[in-house]
């Protein structure tokens, strides 16, 4: 599906003194692209989907229009249009006249702003009728009259109405202002258009936002957030997570470009990872939500600029344009200084979402759904029904006392069930590792049989990649603790189970509860994620074309698995921190050992017995 009308937004360079003494106006440039203008003018002239239309003065006088073209020359819009004039008079119920006369209408449109500052208007100048081939020539007076009365006057009545966008930005700024809900307004006057010019990419307008400085207050140390405030910030982080999920899933589902889809999904994963990490920051004086929002917006905006404009009739209210302009306005306001700093709220995020989603925006983005979402899985290129796992039927777990016996002596049970709740110990280590190896191979084989997307020339890398990832992440363990009180392995950032999958990051793609409760499901999810990073990122972005060849695919895939899509190339970058480089090198040595010997370096995890 195509989007639009896309308004490319850029931020003005701001020269603002550190302490603002008077009302200040900031400006957000806004560009209405040329395809949208063509559709807008075509709609005003009644052109249909084929590009043709008719404007009628009466039964005998009308103009057939087609082939509208629009170019920008010398800060003016040059319009060129095929026009066939039909003129005559009614005589005895029949039109009498010279017959149709073909021509091309050329005129310049000078853009301006209406008196209220709420719309772009046009003034036609230098109108000229030429022969159908575009060459100068004298044409009939009736043709000129019809062109003037039917075409030019209609164009001059055409406006780009942005009043609803500006009103929405007004409301949004008040929602995000520091101390939102207070009687003191941040805006000193309503948001208005200030200037408009024609540029090669379309119309460039500037939105003027006048703000008043907050009351002068003697600086004081910011008090630490109380317990209730910390809980509220976590709720807002959840709301930001849900806001981005709904937004990105909606946009990604409607674009035809797979590269753009994957870039949207990468942003979703990256932001979720940052939110999960932010929740662990034990700093009562710090509010991470604002930084998370601004960083997410700075990454989202370039993706929005790659969306193609869709038909004007599909977006009369400029939803996407208003959404982009609003986000940029918030960014510029935040740049004024800490006294103007944004205050992110759940209501503010919902209001911002409604700019784009209108009635489809949910009442709330929380609580966060924790089960599989078929639509989200499909966006990731996965089976909407979830990972297919048939490693034996579900059975009651084995009593804890039975796990104290060597595993080989336990009653025969399905492979996955034989490991459920089992904590590796020195007395059962060999048998335990053999069972895990069999389970990894079984889930891997089932995944490959169900249709892997990995190219044939790279498939030999995948099995040891899965095994080495499971070893690097958990030493092939799903549980820790005493044998009679096993607990699922959980990292400091919330990654769980044998494949150390962050439910916060992958919620909706996987069932968060099953990632903990079912070893085989955890492994299947890890395999899908590894394939996603291998195929959709490492191979697609040509990691194997750098020095190192196909080995780079393994290194890049694990780096993305470990840190998110932005870490894909860290294994070959000079600026990679030593801590991450050490992780990558340890993984690589373990991968090589598993690939060549078929067995992991057990001593690293179990040299003293656990």
Protein backbone atom coordinates (compact mmCIF):
# COMPACT_ATOMS: atom_id res chain seq x y z
CA UNK A 1 0.00 0.00 0.00
CA UNK A 2 1.19 3.53 -0.62
CA UNK A 3 1.33 6.27 1.95
CA UNK A 4 0.77 9.92 1.87
CA UNK A 5 0.57 12.60 1.30
CA UNK A 6 4.04 12.37 2.78
CA UNK A 7 5.34 15.59 4.21
CA UNK A 8 9.08 15.48 4.72
CA UNK A 9 9.89 17.34 7.88
CA UNK A 10 13.20 18.85 8.88
CA UNK A 11 14.20 20.79 11.97
CA UNK A 12 15.19 24.45 11.89
CA UNK A 13 18.57 25.47 13.16
CA UNK A 14 17.80 27.20 16.42
CA UNK A 15 19.79 30.09 17.84
CA UNK A 16 18.37 30.48 21.32
CA UNK A 17 19.95 32.12 24.32
CA UNK A 18 20.41 29.93 27.40
CA UNK A 19 17.85 31.94 29.37
CA UNK A 20 14.70 32.97 27.49
CA UNK A 21 13.34 36.33 28.63
CA UNK A 22 10.48 36.78 26.15
CA UNK A 23 8.13 34.80 24.00
CA UNK A 24 10.08 32.75 21.48
CA UNK A 25 8.98 31.44 18.12
CA UNK A 26 10.41 28.23 16.79
CA UNK A 27 9.82 26.95 13.29
CA UNK A 28 9.38 23.47 11.89
CA UNK A 29 9.85 23.26 8.12
CA UNK A 30 7.27 21.09 6.40
CA UNK A 31 7.38 19.93 2.77
CA UNK A 32 4.30 18.84 0.84
CA UNK A 33 5.73 16.64 -1.87
CA UNK A 34 5.09 17.12 -5.58
CA UNK A 35 3.05 13.93 -6.19
CA UNK A 36 0.61 15.03 -3.51
CA UNK A 37 0.24 18.47 -5.07
CA UNK A 38 -0.48 16.90 -8.46
CA UNK A 39 -3.18 14.74 -6.89
CA UNK A 40 -4.60 17.70 -5.01
CA UNK A 41 -4.83 19.89 -8.10
CA UNK A 42 -6.08 17.00 -10.18
CA UNK A 43 -8.83 16.38 -7.64
CA UNK A 44 -9.78 20.07 -7.69
CA UNK A 45 -10.10 19.89 -11.48
CA UNK A 46 -12.19 16.73 -11.31
CA UNK A 47 -9.61 14.43 -12.90
CA UNK A 48 -10.38 10.75 -12.39
CA UNK A 49 -8.06 7.78 -11.86
CA UNK A 50 -7.15 7.77 -15.56
CA UNK A 51 -6.06 11.41 -15.37
CA UNK A 52 -8.95 12.77 -17.40
CA UNK A 53 -11.98 14.88 -16.54
CA UNK A 54 -14.50 17.42 -17.82
CA UNK A 55 -15.43 20.87 -16.53
CA UNK A 56 -18.72 22.14 -17.86
CA UNK A 57 -20.05 25.71 -18.12
CA UNK A 58 -23.29 24.66 -19.83
CA UNK A 59 -24.51 22.08 -22.29
CA UNK A 60 -22.53 23.57 -25.18
CA UNK A 61 -19.46 24.96 -23.44
CA UNK A 62 -17.09 22.67 -21.57
CA UNK A 63 -13.44 21.65 -21.38
CA UNK A 64 -11.99 18.16 -21.42
CA UNK A 65 -8.79 17.98 -19.34
CA UNK A 66 -5.98 15.42 -19.18
CA UNK A 67 -2.22 14.90 -18.75
CA UNK A 68 -1.62 17.23 -15.81
CA UNK A 69 2.06 17.92 -15.15
CA UNK A 70 3.64 19.93 -12.36
CA UNK A 71 7.19 21.24 -12.09
CA UNK A 72 8.99 23.71 -9.85
CA UNK A 73 10.77 26.63 -11.53
CA UNK A 74 12.16 29.72 -9.80
CA UNK A 75 10.25 29.08 -6.55
CA UNK A 76 6.98 28.79 -8.46
CA UNK A 77 4.92 25.83 -9.50
CA UNK A 78 4.61 25.44 -13.26
CA UNK A 79 1.41 23.67 -14.26
CA UNK A 80 0.94 22.16 -17.71
CA UNK A 81 -2.40 20.63 -18.75
CA UNK A 82 -3.95 19.28 -21.95
CA UNK A 83 -7.24 21.10 -22.68
CA UNK A 84 -9.80 20.47 -25.41
CA UNK A 85 -12.32 23.32 -25.53
CA UNK A 86 -15.87 22.74 -26.76
CA UNK A 87 -17.73 26.02 -27.37
CA UNK A 88 -20.98 26.91 -29.02
CA UNK A 89 -24.56 28.05 -28.61
CA UNK A 90 -27.80 26.15 -28.42
CA UNK A 91 -29.78 26.43 -31.68
CA UNK A 92 -32.92 24.33 -32.15
CA UNK A 93 -31.82 22.00 -29.33
CA UNK A 94 -28.44 21.48 -30.93
CA UNK A 95 -25.05 22.99 -30.08
CA UNK A 96 -23.66 25.07 -32.89
CA UNK A 97 -20.04 26.11 -32.85
CA UNK A 98 -16.56 25.65 -34.31
CA UNK A 99 -16.08 22.20 -32.75
CA UNK A 100 -13.41 21.01 -30.32
CA UNK A 101 -10.12 22.92 -30.18
CA UNK A 102 -7.11 21.22 -28.61
CA UNK A 103 -4.42 23.09 -26.69
CA UNK A 104 -2.13 22.97 -23.69
CA UNK A 105 -2.61 25.35 -20.80
CA UNK A 106 0.56 26.66 -19.14
CA UNK A 107 0.47 28.78 -16.02
CA UNK A 108 2.50 29.50 -12.90
CA UNK A 109 1.09 29.01 -9.42
CA UNK A 110 2.48 31.24 -6.72
CA UNK A 111 1.87 29.71 -3.28
CA UNK A 112 0.86 31.84 -0.31
CA UNK A 113 -0.81 31.61 3.09
CA UNK A 114 -4.39 32.54 3.87
CA UNK A 115 -5.20 35.38 6.29
CA UNK A 116 -5.71 33.00 9.23
CA UNK A 117 -2.42 31.15 8.67
CA UNK A 118 -4.25 27.83 8.43
CA UNK A 119 -3.95 26.94 4.73
CA UNK A 120 -1.76 27.24 1.65
CA UNK A 121 -3.45 29.08 -1.24
CA UNK A 122 -2.43 29.64 -4.87
CA UNK A 123 -2.44 32.58 -7.25
CA UNK A 124 -2.27 31.84 -10.98
CA UNK A 125 0.06 33.99 -13.05
CA UNK A 126 1.25 34.06 -16.67
CA UNK A 127 -1.49 31.84 -18.08
CA UNK A 128 -0.83 30.88 -21.68
CA UNK A 129 -2.57 28.60 -24.18
CA UNK A 130 -0.35 26.79 -26.67
CA UNK A 131 -0.84 24.33 -29.48
CA UNK A 132 -1.26 20.66 -28.49
CA UNK A 133 2.44 20.01 -29.18
CA UNK A 134 3.39 22.79 -26.74
CA UNK A 135 4.51 25.29 -29.36
CA UNK A 136 3.32 28.93 -29.16
CA UNK A 137 0.37 29.92 -31.32
CA UNK A 138 -2.83 31.90 -31.47
CA UNK A 139 -5.87 30.01 -30.25
CA UNK A 140 -9.54 30.88 -30.28
CA UNK A 141 -11.02 33.38 -27.87
CA UNK A 142 -13.61 30.81 -26.64
CA UNK A 143 -10.75 28.50 -25.61
CA UNK A 144 -9.17 31.28 -23.55
CA UNK A 145 -12.51 32.11 -21.93
CA UNK A 146 -13.14 28.48 -20.97
CA UNK A 147 -9.60 28.08 -19.64
CA UNK A 148 -10.00 31.18 -17.49
CA UNK A 149 -13.51 30.58 -16.19
CA UNK A 150 -13.39 26.82 -15.68
CA UNK A 151 -9.77 25.92 -14.97
CA UNK A 152 -7.85 28.89 -13.59
CA UNK A 153 -10.57 30.09 -11.24
CA UNK A 154 -10.99 26.59 -9.84
CA UNK A 155 -7.27 26.24 -9.25
CA UNK A 156 -7.21 29.56 -7.41
CA UNK A 157 -9.94 28.28 -5.11
CA UNK A 158 -7.82 25.23 -4.24
CA UNK A 159 -6.24 25.23 -0.80
CA UNK A 160 -4.05 22.92 1.26
CA UNK A 161 -5.97 23.06 4.52
CA UNK A 162 -3.75 22.21 7.50
CA UNK A 163 -5.98 23.68 10.21
CA UNK A 164 -6.73 20.28 11.76
CA UNK A 165 -3.01 19.45 11.82
CA UNK A 166 -2.13 22.74 13.51
CA UNK A 167 -4.90 22.38 16.08
CA UNK A 168 -3.73 18.86 16.89
CA UNK A 169 -0.17 20.13 17.40
CA UNK A 170 -1.53 22.84 19.72
CA UNK A 171 -3.25 20.25 21.87
CA UNK A 172 -0.29 17.88 21.81
CA UNK A 173 2.19 20.51 22.98
CA UNK A 174 -0.01 21.32 25.95
CA UNK A 175 -0.23 17.59 26.74
CA UNK A 176 3.56 17.16 26.69
CA UNK A 177 4.55 20.41 28.40
CA UNK A 178 6.34 20.30 31.77
CA UNK A 179 3.75 20.12 34.51
CA UNK A 180 1.04 19.05 32.07
CA UNK A 181 -2.37 19.73 33.51
CA UNK A 182 -1.38 23.03 35.11
CA UNK A 183 -3.28 26.21 34.26
CA UNK A 184 -0.18 27.88 32.80
CA UNK A 185 -0.19 27.49 29.00
CA UNK A 186 3.07 26.91 27.14
CA UNK A 187 1.87 28.39 23.84
CA UNK A 188 1.63 32.17 23.76
CA UNK A 189 -0.47 31.98 20.60
CA UNK A 190 -1.90 29.29 18.40
CA UNK A 191 0.32 27.40 15.95
CA UNK A 192 0.21 28.96 12.48
CA UNK A 193 1.82 28.78 9.05
CA UNK A 194 4.43 31.51 8.64
CA UNK A 195 5.92 31.15 5.17
CA UNK A 196 5.61 28.95 2.09
CA UNK A 197 7.84 28.60 -0.97
CA UNK A 198 8.07 26.22 -3.91
CA UNK A 199 11.12 23.97 -4.01
CA UNK A 200 12.11 21.07 -6.31
CA UNK A 201 10.66 18.50 -3.92
CA UNK A 202 7.35 20.34 -3.50
CA UNK A 203 5.99 23.02 -1.20
CA UNK A 204 8.07 24.08 1.78
CA UNK A 205 6.03 25.66 4.54
CA UNK A 206 7.14 26.71 7.99
CA UNK A 207 5.02 26.09 11.03
CA UNK A 208 5.49 28.84 13.59
CA UNK A 209 5.18 27.81 17.24
CA UNK A 210 5.25 30.67 19.76
CA UNK A 211 6.05 29.66 23.32
CA UNK A 212 6.44 31.65 26.50
CA UNK A 213 9.21 30.89 28.99
CA UNK A 214 8.15 29.24 32.24
CA UNK A 215 8.03 31.46 35.34
CA UNK A 216 11.47 32.22 36.74
CA UNK A 217 12.15 29.88 39.62
CA UNK A 218 15.28 29.71 41.72
CA UNK A 219 17.15 26.57 40.59
CA UNK A 220 16.95 23.77 43.09
CA UNK A 221 18.13 20.18 43.07
CA UNK A 222 15.57 17.94 41.43
CA UNK A 223 14.07 15.71 44.12
CA UNK A 224 14.37 11.99 43.65
CA UNK A 225 11.31 10.19 42.37
CA UNK A 226 9.27 8.52 45.06
CA UNK A 227 8.15 4.90 44.95
CA UNK A 228 4.76 5.76 43.43
CA UNK A 229 6.43 7.96 40.79
CA UNK A 230 8.83 5.17 39.84
CA UNK A 231 5.91 2.81 39.34
CA UNK A 232 4.22 5.43 37.17
CA UNK A 233 7.35 5.82 35.01
CA UNK A 234 7.38 2.07 34.43
CA UNK A 235 3.76 2.28 33.36
CA UNK A 236 4.65 5.06 30.92
CA UNK A 237 7.50 2.92 29.56
CA UNK A 238 4.96 0.16 29.00
CA UNK A 239 2.74 2.67 27.23
CA UNK A 240 5.66 3.77 25.01
CA UNK A 241 6.35 0.11 24.21
CA UNK A 242 2.72 -0.48 23.26
CA UNK A 243 2.53 2.80 21.32
CA UNK A 244 5.52 1.88 19.15
CA UNK A 245 4.34 -1.70 18.68
CA UNK A 246 0.92 -0.66 17.40
CA UNK A 247 2.36 2.11 15.24
CA UNK A 248 5.22 0.16 13.69
CA UNK A 249 3.13 -2.97 13.13
CA UNK A 250 0.50 -0.84 11.35
CA UNK A 251 3.05 0.87 9.09
CA UNK A 252 5.08 -2.27 8.37
CA UNK A 253 1.94 -4.22 7.46
CA UNK A 254 0.97 -1.67 4.81
CA UNK A 255 4.23 -1.24 2.89
CA UNK A 256 5.25 -3.41 -0.04
CA UNK A 257 8.99 -2.87 0.42
CA UNK A 258 10.42 -5.76 2.48
CA UNK A 259 13.63 -3.88 3.27
CA UNK A 260 11.60 -1.04 4.75
CA UNK A 261 9.43 -3.52 6.66
CA UNK A 262 12.51 -5.11 8.21
CA UNK A 263 13.95 -1.73 9.15
CA UNK A 264 10.69 -0.88 10.93
CA UNK A 265 10.82 -4.20 12.78
CA UNK A 266 14.47 -3.67 13.71
CA UNK A 267 13.54 -0.33 15.25
CA UNK A 268 10.81 -2.05 17.26
CA UNK A 269 13.24 -4.66 18.60
CA UNK A 270 15.91 -2.06 19.37
CA UNK A 271 13.50 0.21 21.25
CA UNK A 272 12.03 -2.67 23.20
CA UNK A 273 15.53 -3.75 24.18
CA UNK A 274 16.33 -0.24 25.39
CA UNK A 275 13.10 -0.11 27.37
CA UNK A 276 13.93 -3.44 29.01
CA UNK A 277 17.39 -2.13 29.93
CA UNK A 278 15.97 1.18 31.19
CA UNK A 279 13.70 -0.66 33.61
CA UNK A 280 16.82 -1.95 35.37
CA UNK A 281 18.35 1.48 35.96
CA UNK A 282 18.15 2.07 39.69
CA UNK A 283 18.40 5.85 39.62
CA UNK A 284 15.49 7.50 41.44
CA UNK A 285 16.45 10.92 40.05
CA UNK A 286 16.44 9.82 36.42
CA UNK A 287 13.46 9.63 34.08
CA UNK A 288 14.49 7.49 31.11
CA UNK A 289 11.16 7.76 29.25
CA UNK A 290 11.85 11.14 27.65
CA UNK A 291 15.21 9.97 26.26
CA UNK A 292 13.63 6.75 25.03
CA UNK A 293 10.89 8.67 23.23
CA UNK A 294 13.28 11.15 21.60
CA UNK A 295 15.70 8.40 20.50
CA UNK A 296 12.87 6.32 19.09
CA UNK A 297 11.55 9.33 17.19
CA UNK A 298 14.98 10.14 15.73
CA UNK A 299 15.14 6.58 14.35
CA UNK A 300 11.53 6.46 13.22
CA UNK A 301 11.54 9.70 11.26
CA UNK A 302 13.98 8.55 8.52
CA UNK A 303 11.81 5.46 8.00
CA UNK A 304 8.69 7.59 7.68
CA UNK A 305 10.47 9.67 5.02
CA UNK A 306 10.87 6.52 2.92
CA UNK A 307 7.14 5.89 2.75
CA UNK A 308 5.60 6.61 -0.63
CA UNK A 309 2.72 9.09 -0.74
CA UNK A 310 -0.62 7.42 -1.19
CA UNK A 311 -3.62 8.72 -3.05
CA UNK A 312 -4.95 12.02 -1.76
CA UNK A 313 -8.43 10.58 -1.39
CA UNK A 314 -7.05 8.07 1.10
CA UNK A 315 -5.64 10.77 3.37
CA UNK A 316 -7.68 13.93 3.12
CA UNK A 317 -6.97 14.90 6.70
CA UNK A 318 -3.16 14.69 6.34
CA UNK A 319 -2.84 12.15 9.15
CA UNK A 320 0.69 11.02 8.40
CA UNK A 321 1.81 14.60 7.77
CA UNK A 322 0.33 15.77 11.06
CA UNK A 323 1.92 12.89 12.94
CA UNK A 324 5.39 13.67 11.58
CA UNK A 325 5.03 17.41 12.14
CA UNK A 326 3.86 16.86 15.71
CA UNK A 327 6.78 14.61 16.57
CA UNK A 328 9.25 17.11 15.14
CA UNK A 329 7.59 19.98 16.98
CA UNK A 330 8.05 18.11 20.26
CA UNK A 331 11.70 17.49 19.42
CA UNK A 332 12.36 21.16 18.69
CA UNK A 333 10.60 22.24 21.87
CA UNK A 334 12.69 19.86 23.92
CA UNK A 335 15.84 21.37 22.40
CA UNK A 336 14.99 24.74 23.98
CA UNK A 337 16.35 23.57 27.30
CA UNK A 338 15.44 21.67 30.46
CA UNK A 339 12.85 24.25 31.55
CA UNK A 340 10.87 23.35 28.42
CA UNK A 341 11.72 19.64 28.62
CA UNK A 342 9.04 17.24 27.51
CA UNK A 343 6.98 15.44 30.08
CA UNK A 344 5.99 12.14 28.51
CA UNK A 345 2.63 10.86 29.74
CA UNK A 346 0.37 8.00 28.82
CA UNK A 347 -2.32 10.44 27.72
CA UNK A 348 0.20 12.34 25.63
CA UNK A 349 1.28 9.19 23.80
CA UNK A 350 -2.33 8.28 23.13
CA UNK A 351 -3.03 11.74 21.75
CA UNK A 352 0.02 11.49 19.47
CA UNK A 353 -1.12 8.07 18.26
CA UNK A 354 -4.57 9.40 17.42
CA UNK A 355 -2.99 11.91 15.01
CA UNK A 356 -2.09 8.95 12.81
CA UNK A 357 -4.52 6.18 13.75
CA UNK A 358 -7.61 8.35 14.41
CA UNK A 359 -10.44 6.05 15.51
CA UNK A 360 -8.24 2.97 15.26
CA UNK A 361 -6.02 4.13 18.13
CA UNK A 362 -6.66 1.96 21.19
CA UNK A 363 -7.96 3.53 24.37
CA UNK A 364 -4.76 2.38 26.06
CA UNK A 365 -1.62 0.57 24.94
CA UNK A 366 -1.38 -1.27 28.25
CA UNK A 367 -1.42 -3.87 29.63
CA UNK A 368 1.06 -5.32 27.20
CA UNK A 369 -0.14 -8.52 25.47
CA UNK A 370 2.08 -11.48 26.32
CA UNK A 371 0.75 -14.18 23.97
CA UNK A 372 1.53 -14.81 20.31
CA UNK A 373 0.11 -12.32 17.80
CA UNK A 374 -0.35 -14.05 14.40
CA UNK A 375 -0.21 -10.72 12.51
CA UNK A 376 3.06 -9.71 14.18
CA UNK A 377 4.61 -13.13 13.55
CA UNK A 378 3.65 -12.89 9.89
CA UNK A 379 5.39 -9.51 9.63
CA UNK A 380 8.58 -11.19 10.85
CA UNK A 381 8.18 -13.82 8.11
CA UNK A 382 7.21 -16.53 10.61
CA UNK A 383 4.36 -19.04 10.68
CA UNK A 384 1.36 -17.13 12.10
CA UNK A 385 0.35 -20.23 14.08
CA UNK A 386 3.59 -20.23 16.05
CA UNK A 387 6.58 -22.59 16.12
CA UNK A 388 5.61 -26.16 15.25
CA UNK A 389 6.84 -28.50 18.00
CA UNK A 390 5.96 -32.17 18.16
CA UNK A 391 8.67 -33.44 20.52
CA UNK A 392 6.33 -35.73 22.41
CA UNK A 393 2.97 -34.96 24.08
CA UNK A 394 2.59 -32.78 27.16
CA UNK A 395 2.95 -34.83 30.35
CA UNK A 396 3.05 -34.13 34.10
CA UNK A 397 6.52 -33.10 35.26
CA UNK A 398 8.77 -35.68 36.92
CA UNK A 399 8.79 -35.58 40.77
CA UNK A 400 11.84 -33.79 42.10
CA UNK A 401 13.09 -36.84 43.97
CA UNK A 402 13.21 -38.83 40.72
CA UNK A 403 15.57 -36.23 39.29
CA UNK A 404 18.12 -37.14 41.97
CA UNK A 405 18.60 -40.50 40.22
CA UNK A 406 20.79 -40.77 37.13
CA UNK A 407 18.68 -39.69 34.20
CA UNK A 408 19.30 -42.96 32.43
CA UNK A 409 17.37 -44.78 35.17
CA UNK A 410 14.30 -42.51 34.95
CA UNK A 411 11.08 -43.85 33.51
CA UNK A 412 10.87 -43.45 29.70
CA UNK A 413 9.23 -40.10 28.89
CA UNK A 414 9.22 -37.81 25.82
CA UNK A 415 12.56 -36.12 25.21
CA UNK A 416 11.55 -32.58 26.22
CA UNK A 417 9.66 -33.83 29.26
CA UNK A 418 12.70 -35.74 30.48
CA UNK A 419 14.51 -32.40 30.89
CA UNK A 420 11.67 -30.36 32.34
CA UNK A 421 12.65 -29.07 35.76
CA UNK A 422 16.02 -30.85 35.65
CA UNK A 423 19.04 -29.02 37.08
CA UNK A 424 22.39 -30.22 35.72
CA UNK A 425 24.57 -31.81 38.39
CA UNK A 426 27.96 -33.58 38.44
CA UNK A 427 26.39 -37.03 38.87
CA UNK A 428 24.11 -36.67 35.84
CA UNK A 429 26.14 -34.26 33.71
CA UNK A 430 27.12 -36.57 30.84
CA UNK A 431 23.61 -37.95 30.40
CA UNK A 432 22.14 -34.46 30.83
CA UNK A 433 24.29 -32.98 28.05
CA UNK A 434 23.53 -35.92 25.73
CA UNK A 435 19.79 -35.38 26.25
CA UNK A 436 20.10 -31.63 25.59
CA UNK A 437 22.12 -32.30 22.42
CA UNK A 438 19.39 -34.68 21.23
CA UNK A 439 16.69 -32.14 22.04
CA UNK A 440 18.52 -29.34 20.22
CA UNK A 441 18.95 -31.59 17.19
CA UNK A 442 15.31 -32.70 17.27
CA UNK A 443 13.91 -29.17 17.41
CA UNK A 444 16.44 -28.03 14.80
CA UNK A 445 15.50 -30.89 12.44
CA UNK A 446 11.80 -30.13 12.84
CA UNK A 447 12.42 -26.48 12.04
CA UNK A 448 14.37 -27.31 8.89
CA UNK A 449 11.77 -29.85 7.74
CA UNK A 450 9.00 -27.28 8.11
CA UNK A 451 10.66 -25.00 5.58
CA UNK A 452 13.76 -22.96 6.36
CA UNK A 453 14.52 -19.77 4.42
CA UNK A 454 18.29 -20.21 4.72
CA UNK A 455 19.97 -20.52 1.29
CA UNK A 456 21.38 -23.99 0.65
CA UNK A 457 24.99 -22.75 0.50
CA UNK A 458 24.80 -21.46 4.07
CA UNK A 459 22.80 -24.22 5.78
CA UNK A 460 25.84 -26.12 7.03
CA UNK A 461 26.62 -23.16 9.29
CA UNK A 462 23.24 -23.12 10.96
CA UNK A 463 23.23 -26.25 13.12
CA UNK A 464 26.50 -25.43 14.94
CA UNK A 465 25.32 -21.79 15.16
CA UNK A 466 22.20 -22.92 17.05
CA UNK A 467 24.19 -25.19 19.36
CA UNK A 468 26.91 -22.61 20.01
CA UNK A 469 24.35 -19.89 20.72
CA UNK A 470 22.57 -22.10 23.25
CA UNK A 471 25.92 -22.86 24.88
CA UNK A 472 27.12 -19.26 24.97
CA UNK A 473 23.79 -18.05 26.37
CA UNK A 474 23.11 -20.68 29.05
CA UNK A 475 25.62 -23.57 28.88
CA UNK A 476 22.68 -25.68 27.63
CA UNK A 477 20.77 -25.12 30.85
CA UNK A 478 17.17 -24.08 31.32
CA UNK A 479 17.13 -24.34 35.14
CA UNK A 480 19.33 -23.42 38.08
CA UNK A 481 19.05 -23.92 41.83
CA UNK A 482 18.53 -26.91 44.11
CA UNK A 483 17.22 -30.07 42.44
CA UNK A 484 14.02 -29.91 44.50
CA UNK A 485 13.46 -26.18 43.80
CA UNK A 486 14.53 -25.56 40.20
CA UNK A 487 14.10 -22.09 38.78
CA UNK A 488 14.26 -20.98 35.17
CA UNK A 489 17.47 -19.15 34.28
CA UNK A 490 16.85 -15.42 34.05
CA UNK A 491 19.43 -12.76 33.18
CA UNK A 492 19.68 -9.28 34.69
CA UNK A 493 17.80 -7.83 31.70
CA UNK A 494 15.06 -10.45 31.81
CA UNK A 495 16.25 -12.97 29.20
CA UNK A 496 14.94 -16.45 30.07
CA UNK A 497 15.66 -20.08 29.45
CA UNK A 498 18.18 -22.04 27.48
CA UNK A 499 18.24 -19.61 24.54
CA UNK A 500 18.06 -16.55 26.85
CA UNK A 501 15.16 -14.87 25.03
CA UNK A 502 13.93 -11.53 26.30
CA UNK A 503 10.17 -11.82 26.58
CA UNK A 504 9.94 -8.03 26.80
CA UNK A 505 11.62 -7.71 23.39
CA UNK A 506 9.91 -10.61 21.63
CA UNK A 507 6.44 -10.43 23.20
CA UNK A 508 3.73 -10.88 20.59
CA UNK A 509 6.12 -12.86 18.42
CA UNK A 510 6.32 -15.52 21.15
CA UNK A 511 4.25 -16.48 24.17
CA UNK A 512 6.18 -15.10 27.14
CA UNK A 513 4.91 -17.75 29.58
CA UNK A 514 5.78 -20.64 27.26
CA UNK A 515 9.32 -19.31 26.85
CA UNK A 516 9.79 -20.09 30.54
CA UNK A 517 7.61 -23.17 30.94
CA UNK A 518 8.64 -25.19 27.86
CA UNK A 519 12.27 -25.90 27.01
CA UNK A 520 11.41 -27.05 23.49
CA UNK A 521 9.40 -23.88 22.82
CA UNK A 522 12.29 -21.75 24.07
CA UNK A 523 14.70 -23.57 21.74
CA UNK A 524 12.30 -23.32 18.78
CA UNK A 525 11.95 -19.57 19.37
CA UNK A 526 15.73 -19.15 19.54
CA UNK A 527 16.15 -21.02 16.26
CA UNK A 528 13.56 -18.80 14.56
CA UNK A 529 15.24 -15.66 15.87
CA UNK A 530 18.67 -16.84 14.70
CA UNK A 531 17.29 -17.56 11.23
CA UNK A 532 15.61 -14.15 11.17
CA UNK A 533 18.88 -12.39 11.94
CA UNK A 534 20.87 -14.62 9.58
CA UNK A 535 18.59 -14.29 6.55
CA UNK A 536 16.93 -10.91 6.99
CA UNK A 537 19.96 -9.02 8.28
CA UNK A 538 23.35 -10.74 7.90
CA UNK A 539 22.77 -12.19 4.41
CA UNK A 540 20.52 -9.37 3.18
CA UNK A 541 23.08 -6.76 4.16
CA UNK A 542 25.97 -8.72 2.64
CA UNK A 543 28.03 -9.47 5.74
CA UNK A 544 29.59 -12.43 3.90
CA UNK A 545 30.91 -10.05 1.23
CA UNK A 546 33.38 -8.49 3.68
CA UNK A 547 36.80 -10.00 4.48
CA UNK A 548 36.11 -13.20 6.38
CA UNK A 549 33.49 -14.47 3.96
CA UNK A 550 30.76 -16.79 5.19
CA UNK A 551 32.25 -16.86 8.71
CA UNK A 552 31.03 -13.27 9.02
CA UNK A 553 27.45 -14.53 8.77
CA UNK A 554 27.91 -16.57 11.94
CA UNK A 555 29.62 -13.74 13.80
CA UNK A 556 27.09 -11.12 12.67
CA UNK A 557 24.08 -13.31 13.44
CA UNK A 558 25.20 -13.99 16.98
CA UNK A 559 26.10 -10.33 17.55
CA UNK A 560 22.56 -9.32 16.55
CA UNK A 561 21.09 -12.11 18.69
CA UNK A 562 23.14 -10.95 21.66
CA UNK A 563 22.60 -7.20 21.36
CA UNK A 564 19.93 -6.46 18.79
CA UNK A 565 19.97 -5.56 15.07
CA UNK A 566 22.21 -2.51 15.54
CA UNK A 567 25.01 -4.85 16.71
CA UNK A 568 25.09 -6.78 13.43
CA UNK A 569 28.47 -5.48 12.26
CA UNK A 570 30.13 -4.96 15.64
CA UNK A 571 32.39 -8.01 15.12
CA UNK A 572 34.31 -6.16 12.37
CA UNK A 573 34.18 -2.59 13.64
CA UNK A 574 37.16 -0.89 15.27
CA UNK A 575 35.05 1.05 17.75
CA UNK A 576 33.41 -2.00 19.34
CA UNK A 577 33.87 -1.92 23.14
CA UNK A 578 36.33 -4.46 24.53
CA UNK A 579 33.58 -6.13 26.59
CA UNK A 580 31.49 -6.87 23.50
CA UNK A 581 34.52 -7.92 21.50
CA UNK A 582 35.38 -10.44 24.25
CA UNK A 583 31.84 -11.87 24.08
CA UNK A 584 32.08 -12.26 20.31
CA UNK A 585 35.49 -13.92 20.45
CA UNK A 586 34.37 -16.37 23.14
CA UNK A 587 31.33 -17.25 21.08
CA UNK A 588 33.44 -17.77 17.98
CA UNK A 589 35.83 -20.16 19.72
CA UNK A 590 32.88 -22.16 21.06
CA UNK A 591 31.26 -22.23 17.61
CA UNK A 592 34.48 -23.54 16.05
CA UNK A 593 34.82 -26.28 18.68
CA UNK A 594 31.21 -27.40 18.25
CA UNK A 595 31.49 -27.32 14.45
CA UNK A 596 34.73 -29.31 14.41
CA UNK A 597 34.32 -31.62 17.42
CA UNK A 598 30.55 -31.80 17.78
CA UNK A 599 30.75 -31.06 21.51
CA UNK A 600 30.86 -27.82 23.53
CA UNK A 601 33.72 -26.72 25.83
CA UNK A 602 32.18 -28.22 28.96
CA UNK A 603 34.94 -27.06 31.30
CA UNK A 604 33.86 -23.42 31.03
CA UNK A 605 30.57 -24.08 32.82
CA UNK A 606 30.95 -27.32 34.70
CA UNK A 607 34.60 -27.55 35.71
CA UNK A 608 33.69 -27.43 39.41
CA UNK A 609 30.27 -29.02 39.11
CA UNK A 610 27.00 -27.18 39.59
